[in-house]
Amino acid sequence: MSRATLTTHALHVAAGVSEHWGWKALNAGVIHEPHSEDDVIALRVYACVSQIAWPGEKRPRSAKQQLELWQELAVHTAREALSSHSTTHETAMWVLPDGVHTATTPGERAALELDVLSGRPAFRIPIGLWITQLPEALAKLPKPRIRRSSKTDAPAA
């Protein structure tokens, strides 16, 4: 995938999240300017994992939240999945309180369910689907309009 430079507005639109999440991600150091395709995926994953509260965890809504290790791992894994040749439409990422796992094939998913998850709380993110939808989302972005200055609009004297 080519590395296109995206405006901040285009980043939010392509990720399908509000501008609020973009500012939070920027302040948390999840995304940096200039924005690119991997920032779209990172922002989308960040918006999901920042809202997860694991059973037994108490987080006041008004308190400033620092990124926890498992959240950083989820964002990093999503960025890696974007450039991985093994990522397909079927690739999914499971986020757990102590780590992140990806699986693509039915066998990998079954092994993950039996060996790692086995009744533990986990959040499944369809990372492969989001990545395969990315080119279409980028293609639908409105093209920036070129603004003419008043000097070019005035007739020559």
Protein backbone atom coordinates (compact mmCIF):
# COMPACT_ATOMS: atom_id res chain seq x y z
CA MET A 1 0.00 0.00 0.00
CA SER A 2 1.37 3.42 -0.88
CA ARG A 3 1.98 6.00 1.82
CA ALA A 4 -0.43 8.84 1.12
CA THR A 5 -0.29 11.96 3.27
CA LEU A 6 -3.67 12.70 4.82
CA THR A 7 -5.05 15.84 6.36
CA THR A 8 -6.32 15.63 9.91
CA HIS A 9 -9.91 15.83 8.67
CA ALA A 10 -9.32 13.06 6.11
CA LEU A 11 -7.79 10.89 8.84
CA HIS A 12 -10.93 11.12 11.00
CA VAL A 13 -13.24 10.54 8.06
CA ALA A 14 -11.30 7.52 6.76
CA ALA A 15 -11.12 6.00 10.27
CA GLY A 16 -14.84 6.54 10.77
CA VAL A 17 -14.34 8.20 14.16
CA SER A 18 -15.08 11.65 15.52
CA GLU A 19 -12.49 14.39 15.63
CA HIS A 20 -12.49 13.95 19.43
CA TRP A 21 -10.74 10.58 19.09
CA GLY A 22 -8.17 12.08 16.77
CA TRP A 23 -7.21 14.73 19.30
CA LYS A 24 -7.03 12.15 22.07
CA ALA A 25 -4.82 9.89 19.93
CA LEU A 26 -2.57 12.81 18.99
CA ASN A 27 -2.21 13.84 22.65
CA ALA A 28 -1.50 10.23 23.66
CA GLY A 29 1.23 9.93 21.02
CA VAL A 30 -0.64 7.25 19.03
CA ILE A 31 -0.63 9.27 15.80
CA HIS A 32 1.73 11.93 14.51
CA GLU A 33 1.66 14.43 11.67
CA PRO A 34 1.89 14.06 8.74
CA HIS A 35 -0.83 11.39 8.80
CA SER A 36 -0.78 8.27 6.62
CA GLU A 37 -2.76 5.04 6.07
CA ASP A 38 -1.29 3.33 9.11
CA ASP A 39 -2.56 6.23 11.24
CA VAL A 40 -6.10 5.49 10.01
CA ILE A 41 -5.90 1.92 11.32
CA ALA A 42 -4.09 3.00 14.51
CA LEU A 43 -6.74 5.65 15.22
CA ARG A 44 -9.59 3.22 14.67
CA VAL A 45 -8.03 0.62 16.98
CA TYR A 46 -7.18 3.28 19.57
CA ALA A 47 -10.80 4.46 19.62
CA CYS A 48 -11.88 0.87 20.39
CA VAL A 49 -9.30 -0.13 22.98
CA SER A 50 -9.48 3.14 24.92
CA GLN A 51 -13.08 2.37 25.77
CA ILE A 52 -12.48 -1.15 27.10
CA ALA A 53 -12.92 -1.64 30.84
CA TRP A 54 -12.02 -5.16 31.92
CA PRO A 55 -14.15 -6.94 34.54
CA GLY A 56 -13.07 -5.88 38.02
CA GLU A 57 -11.20 -2.82 36.75
CA LYS A 58 -12.29 0.52 38.13
CA ARG A 59 -11.58 3.54 35.95
CA PRO A 60 -13.20 6.87 36.70
CA ARG A 61 -14.54 8.35 33.47
CA SER A 62 -13.36 11.84 34.35
CA ALA A 63 -9.75 10.85 35.13
CA LYS A 64 -7.08 11.36 32.45
CA GLN A 65 -6.21 7.93 31.10
CA GLN A 66 -2.66 6.97 30.19
CA LEU A 67 -2.20 4.27 27.56
CA GLU A 68 -1.70 0.92 29.20
CA LEU A 69 0.71 -1.63 27.78
CA TRP A 70 -2.03 -3.82 26.28
CA GLN A 71 -3.49 -0.75 24.52
CA GLU A 72 -0.08 0.19 23.09
CA LEU A 73 0.37 -3.42 21.94
CA ALA A 74 -3.01 -3.37 20.19
CA VAL A 75 -2.15 -0.19 18.27
CA HIS A 76 1.33 -1.47 17.40
CA THR A 77 -0.05 -4.86 16.27
CA ALA A 78 -2.61 -3.09 14.06
CA ARG A 79 0.14 -1.04 12.38
CA GLU A 80 2.17 -4.23 11.80
CA ALA A 81 -0.86 -6.03 10.36
CA LEU A 82 -1.23 -3.29 7.75
CA SER A 83 2.16 -4.10 6.22
CA SER A 84 2.11 -7.86 6.83
CA HIS A 85 1.76 -10.13 3.81
CA SER A 86 -0.09 -12.68 5.95
CA THR A 87 -2.95 -10.28 6.79
CA THR A 88 -6.15 -11.14 4.95
CA HIS A 89 -9.80 -10.16 5.12
CA GLU A 90 -10.22 -12.91 7.75
CA THR A 91 -7.47 -11.73 10.12
CA ALA A 92 -8.74 -10.83 13.58
CA MET A 93 -7.01 -9.39 16.59
CA TRP A 94 -7.93 -10.41 20.13
CA VAL A 95 -7.10 -7.89 22.83
CA LEU A 96 -6.71 -9.25 26.36
CA PRO A 97 -5.83 -7.50 29.61
CA ASP A 98 -2.29 -8.86 29.32
CA GLY A 99 -1.62 -8.97 25.59
CA VAL A 100 -2.73 -9.10 21.99
CA HIS A 101 -3.02 -12.05 19.60
CA THR A 102 -3.87 -12.27 15.91
CA ALA A 103 -5.21 -15.19 13.91
CA THR A 104 -6.22 -15.57 10.29
CA THR A 105 -7.18 -19.16 9.52
CA PRO A 106 -9.96 -21.14 11.20
CA GLY A 107 -7.27 -23.41 12.69
CA GLU A 108 -5.38 -20.47 14.18
CA ARG A 109 -8.61 -19.08 15.63
CA ALA A 110 -9.53 -22.46 17.14
CA ALA A 111 -6.06 -22.89 18.65
CA LEU A 112 -6.22 -19.39 20.09
CA GLU A 113 -9.64 -20.11 21.60
CA LEU A 114 -8.43 -23.35 23.20
CA ASP A 115 -4.92 -22.38 24.24
CA VAL A 116 -5.12 -18.70 25.16
CA LEU A 117 -8.66 -17.48 25.62
CA SER A 118 -10.34 -20.42 27.39
CA GLY A 119 -12.96 -18.35 29.17
CA ARG A 120 -10.86 -15.21 29.65
CA PRO A 121 -12.32 -11.84 28.70
CA ALA A 122 -11.15 -10.71 25.28
CA PHE A 123 -12.15 -8.09 22.74
CA ARG A 124 -12.11 -9.13 19.06
CA ILE A 125 -11.23 -6.53 16.45
CA PRO A 126 -11.72 -7.39 12.74
CA ILE A 127 -8.38 -5.86 11.79
CA GLY A 128 -8.15 -7.70 8.45
CA LEU A 129 -11.56 -6.43 7.38
CA TRP A 130 -10.63 -2.86 8.35
CA ILE A 131 -7.39 -3.10 6.42
CA THR A 132 -9.07 -4.47 3.28
CA GLN A 133 -11.67 -1.68 3.49
CA LEU A 134 -8.99 1.02 3.81
CA PRO A 135 -8.33 1.63 0.07
CA GLU A 136 -12.05 2.13 -0.53
CA ALA A 137 -12.34 4.50 2.44
CA LEU A 138 -9.37 6.52 1.16
CA ALA A 139 -10.80 6.61 -2.38
CA LYS A 140 -14.08 8.04 -1.06
CA LEU A 141 -12.37 10.98 0.63
CA PRO A 142 -13.31 14.29 -0.97
CA LYS A 143 -10.52 15.80 -3.03
CA PRO A 144 -9.16 19.03 -1.59
CA ARG A 145 -10.24 22.11 -3.49
CA ILE A 146 -7.56 24.45 -4.77
CA ARG A 147 -8.16 27.96 -3.56
CA ARG A 148 -7.22 30.85 -5.74
CA SER A 149 -5.82 33.96 -4.21
CA SER A 150 -7.36 37.31 -5.01
CA LYS A 151 -4.21 38.23 -6.95
CA THR A 152 -4.76 35.47 -9.50
CA ASP A 153 -8.45 36.27 -9.83
CA ALA A 154 -7.85 39.92 -10.71
CA PRO A 155 -7.38 40.78 -14.39
CA ALA A 156 -3.91 41.94 -15.41
CA ALA A 157 -3.56 45.69 -15.80
